[in-house]
Amino acid sequence: MAYSDFTLAKVRETFQLVIDEKRNLFKEVLPIQPSATLTTLLEEYTQLATAINTEKARSELLIMPVLTEVRRQLNYQISLFSGTDFDVDASKGLNGFCDFILCGSEEQFYIKAPVITIVEAKNENIKSGLGQCIATMISAQFFNQNTQEEVKTIYGVVTSGTNWRFLMLEGLTAYIDIVEYYINDVDKILGIMLQPFNYAFLKASS
């Protein structure tokens, strides 16, 4: 068993989770203005990615530019991993690779706690990726605990590149945002993606 084997029902049953999908989780999050670099890339790539319409094209042309923008906005103080094995506990099915991982560390040669955000790329089927995303978020929770880097909230997102659905994991409760954002709302997407890192850095400096 691996991350990709988890449906929403399976992950809830396996880890005895409470699933809350009735909240507008990021209503109060302020939009963040994208850089000129990201704006230009999305203007050029959005139509191309949707015309090619493969998971690989959407991942490379839409998702990766947004995630690299998150690093840019944070002055490259975080690390970004793509298509990386994230084996935490194979006995629980918490193994396999993650499409993308963002960590609150500058170390780029290996995954280092705290793991704060998990991104699962799905080809135009957001719902089918929710269970897999939550499973990887549980892995991030365990990974942080095992390295004494306790993080209260793990953030996740399932995205097709054009559509973005955010999640949060706190203890045994998984929250799925009722709002689905679109790539033309990239300023709001950036605000949400930056929120956990801004909190982590403020906590570290306090």
Protein backbone atom coordinates (compact mmCIF):
# COMPACT_ATOMS: atom_id res chain seq x y z
CA MET A 1 0.00 0.00 0.00
CA ALA A 2 1.16 3.55 -0.73
CA TYR A 3 -0.14 7.13 -0.77
CA SER A 4 -1.77 6.63 -4.16
CA ASP A 5 -3.93 3.80 -2.77
CA PHE A 6 -5.77 6.05 -0.31
CA THR A 7 -9.23 7.32 -1.08
CA LEU A 8 -10.89 9.83 1.21
CA ALA A 9 -12.94 7.07 2.84
CA LYS A 10 -9.90 4.82 3.23
CA VAL A 11 -7.69 7.44 4.85
CA ARG A 12 -10.46 8.42 7.26
CA GLU A 13 -11.04 4.80 8.29
CA THR A 14 -7.34 3.87 8.55
CA PHE A 15 -6.30 6.82 10.71
CA GLN A 16 -9.62 7.42 12.52
CA LEU A 17 -9.84 10.97 11.23
CA VAL A 18 -12.59 13.52 11.51
CA ILE A 19 -13.19 15.10 8.09
CA ASP A 20 -14.53 18.66 8.15
CA GLU A 21 -15.49 20.02 4.73
CA LYS A 22 -17.89 22.81 5.70
CA ARG A 23 -15.53 25.74 6.31
CA ASN A 24 -14.18 28.63 4.30
CA LEU A 25 -10.71 28.11 5.75
CA PHE A 26 -8.90 31.04 4.19
CA LYS A 27 -11.54 33.74 4.04
CA GLU A 28 -9.37 36.16 6.01
CA VAL A 29 -6.11 35.47 4.15
CA LEU A 30 -4.93 38.50 2.20
CA PRO A 31 -3.89 38.14 -1.45
CA ILE A 32 -0.20 38.49 -2.27
CA GLN A 33 0.80 40.29 -5.45
CA PRO A 34 2.71 37.94 -7.76
CA SER A 35 6.04 39.00 -9.18
CA ALA A 36 6.33 40.21 -12.75
CA THR A 37 8.12 36.94 -13.49
CA LEU A 38 5.18 34.78 -12.43
CA THR A 39 2.64 37.04 -14.12
CA THR A 40 4.51 36.78 -17.41
CA LEU A 41 4.92 33.00 -17.14
CA LEU A 42 1.25 32.39 -16.41
CA GLU A 43 0.16 34.66 -19.25
CA GLU A 44 2.29 32.58 -21.60
CA TYR A 45 1.76 29.11 -20.12
CA THR A 46 -1.90 28.89 -19.05
CA GLN A 47 -3.34 28.52 -22.53
CA LEU A 48 -0.52 26.17 -23.57
CA ALA A 49 -0.93 23.93 -20.52
CA THR A 50 -4.69 23.62 -20.97
CA ALA A 51 -4.27 22.94 -24.70
CA ILE A 52 -1.75 20.14 -24.10
CA ASN A 53 -3.96 19.04 -21.20
CA THR A 54 -1.72 16.41 -19.63
CA GLU A 55 -0.81 16.13 -15.95
CA LYS A 56 2.86 16.60 -16.84
CA ALA A 57 2.23 19.81 -18.80
CA ARG A 58 0.04 21.30 -16.08
CA SER A 59 2.61 20.34 -13.45
CA GLU A 60 5.55 21.89 -15.29
CA LEU A 61 3.84 24.95 -16.76
CA LEU A 62 1.41 25.98 -14.01
CA ILE A 63 2.12 24.31 -10.66
CA MET A 64 5.90 24.58 -10.57
CA PRO A 65 5.95 28.32 -11.45
CA VAL A 66 3.53 29.03 -8.58
CA LEU A 67 5.59 26.99 -6.10
CA THR A 68 8.87 28.58 -7.16
CA GLU A 69 7.16 31.93 -6.68
CA VAL A 70 6.46 30.96 -3.06
CA ARG A 71 10.23 30.41 -2.60
CA ARG A 72 10.93 33.71 -4.35
CA GLN A 73 8.50 35.59 -2.11
CA LEU A 74 10.26 34.10 0.96
CA ASN A 75 13.75 35.01 -0.29
CA TYR A 76 14.58 31.34 -0.92
CA GLN A 77 14.48 30.47 2.79
CA ILE A 78 12.41 27.34 2.12
CA SER A 79 13.07 24.19 0.10
CA LEU A 80 10.99 22.72 -2.70
CA PHE A 81 10.99 19.05 -3.73
CA SER A 82 9.36 17.53 -6.79
CA GLY A 83 8.61 13.84 -7.40
CA THR A 84 10.53 12.81 -4.29
CA ASP A 85 10.21 9.56 -2.32
CA PHE A 86 8.74 10.29 1.10
CA ASP A 87 8.80 6.97 2.96
CA VAL A 88 7.77 7.51 6.58
CA ASP A 89 6.00 4.32 7.71
CA ALA A 90 5.40 1.61 5.11
CA SER A 91 3.48 -0.51 7.65
CA LYS A 92 0.77 2.18 7.64
CA GLY A 93 0.89 2.76 3.90
CA LEU A 94 2.72 6.04 4.39
CA ASN A 95 5.23 5.56 1.64
CA GLY A 96 5.68 6.40 -2.01
CA PHE A 97 6.48 9.62 -3.77
CA CYS A 98 4.97 13.08 -3.40
CA ASP A 99 4.43 15.33 -6.38
CA PHE A 100 5.68 18.34 -4.43
CA ILE A 101 6.82 19.10 -0.87
CA LEU A 102 7.61 22.49 0.66
CA CYS A 103 9.75 22.57 3.82
CA GLY A 104 10.55 25.37 6.24
CA SER A 105 14.27 24.81 5.74
CA GLU A 106 16.81 26.05 3.19
CA GLU A 107 18.33 22.55 2.85
CA GLN A 108 17.69 21.47 -0.74
CA PHE A 109 19.60 18.17 -0.98
CA TYR A 110 17.27 16.17 1.28
CA ILE A 111 13.90 16.56 2.98
CA LYS A 112 14.38 18.19 6.36
CA ALA A 113 11.74 19.02 8.97
CA PRO A 114 9.60 20.93 9.29
CA VAL A 115 7.56 19.71 6.34
CA ILE A 116 4.75 22.24 6.17
CA THR A 117 2.99 21.92 2.82
CA ILE A 118 2.21 18.97 0.54
CA VAL A 119 0.96 19.43 -3.03
CA GLU A 120 -0.62 16.60 -5.02
CA ALA A 121 -1.08 17.23 -8.74
CA LYS A 122 -4.14 15.61 -10.29
CA ASN A 123 -5.24 15.79 -13.89
CA GLU A 124 -8.55 17.67 -13.67
CA ASN A 125 -9.95 15.46 -10.87
CA ILE A 126 -9.50 17.28 -7.59
CA LYS A 127 -11.82 15.01 -5.59
CA SER A 128 -9.86 11.85 -6.43
CA GLY A 129 -6.69 13.35 -4.97
CA LEU A 130 -8.04 14.30 -1.56
CA GLY A 131 -7.39 10.96 0.18
CA GLN A 132 -3.88 10.72 -1.23
CA CYS A 133 -3.09 14.28 -0.20
CA ILE A 134 -4.32 13.73 3.35
CA ALA A 135 -2.21 10.55 3.60
CA THR A 136 0.91 12.53 2.67
CA MET A 137 -0.05 15.22 5.18
CA ILE A 138 -0.26 12.55 7.90
CA SER A 139 3.22 11.44 6.86
CA ALA A 140 4.45 15.01 7.21
CA GLN A 141 2.89 15.13 10.68
CA PHE A 142 4.71 11.93 11.72
CA PHE A 143 7.95 13.03 10.05
CA ASN A 144 7.99 16.30 11.98
CA GLN A 145 7.17 14.57 15.27
CA ASN A 146 9.96 12.03 14.76
CA THR A 147 12.48 14.84 14.35
CA GLN A 148 11.15 16.95 17.23
CA GLU A 149 9.91 19.60 14.81
CA GLU A 150 6.32 19.82 16.00
CA VAL A 151 4.08 21.69 13.56
CA LYS A 152 0.52 22.23 14.74
CA THR A 153 -0.98 22.58 11.26
CA ILE A 154 0.04 20.77 8.09
CA TYR A 155 -1.19 22.37 4.90
CA GLY A 156 -2.00 20.50 1.72
CA VAL A 157 -3.39 21.26 -1.70
CA VAL A 158 -4.71 19.18 -4.56
CA THR A 159 -4.36 21.00 -7.84
CA SER A 160 -4.72 20.44 -11.55
CA GLY A 161 -2.75 23.61 -12.17
CA THR A 162 -5.86 25.56 -13.09
CA ASN A 163 -7.90 24.49 -10.03
CA TRP A 164 -6.61 24.55 -6.43
CA ARG A 165 -8.32 22.99 -3.37
CA PHE A 166 -6.59 23.53 -0.02
CA LEU A 167 -6.60 21.34 3.10
CA MET A 168 -5.34 21.54 6.68
CA LEU A 169 -4.50 18.77 9.14
CA GLU A 170 -4.55 19.45 12.88
CA GLY A 171 -4.20 16.40 15.11
CA LEU A 172 -6.77 13.89 13.87
CA THR A 173 -8.96 16.43 12.08
CA ALA A 174 -8.59 17.03 8.37
CA TYR A 175 -10.19 20.20 7.02
CA ILE A 176 -11.08 20.50 3.33
CA ASP A 177 -11.79 24.03 2.21
CA ILE A 178 -15.23 24.56 0.69
CA VAL A 179 -13.73 27.03 -1.78
CA GLU A 180 -11.94 25.95 -4.93
CA TYR A 181 -9.58 28.57 -6.30
CA TYR A 182 -8.59 29.09 -9.91
CA ILE A 183 -5.29 30.09 -11.43
CA ASN A 184 -6.60 33.57 -12.26
CA ASP A 185 -6.85 33.99 -8.45
CA VAL A 186 -3.10 33.42 -8.18
CA ASP A 187 -2.72 36.31 -5.72
CA LYS A 188 -5.08 34.54 -3.29
CA ILE A 189 -3.38 31.18 -3.93
CA LEU A 190 -0.03 32.78 -3.06
CA GLY A 191 -1.48 34.31 0.11
CA ILE A 192 -2.66 30.88 1.26
CA MET A 193 0.60 29.13 0.30
CA LEU A 194 2.68 31.73 2.13
CA GLN A 195 0.60 31.77 5.31
CA PRO A 196 2.09 28.68 7.04
CA PHE A 197 5.65 29.74 6.28
CA ASN A 198 5.18 33.29 7.51
CA TYR A 199 3.83 31.86 10.76
CA ALA A 200 6.72 29.40 11.06
CA PHE A 201 9.35 32.09 10.50
CA LEU A 202 7.68 34.49 12.92
CA LYS A 203 7.56 31.73 15.56
CA ALA A 204 11.23 30.89 14.99
CA SER A 205 12.30 34.51 15.42
CA SER A 206 10.22 35.16 18.53
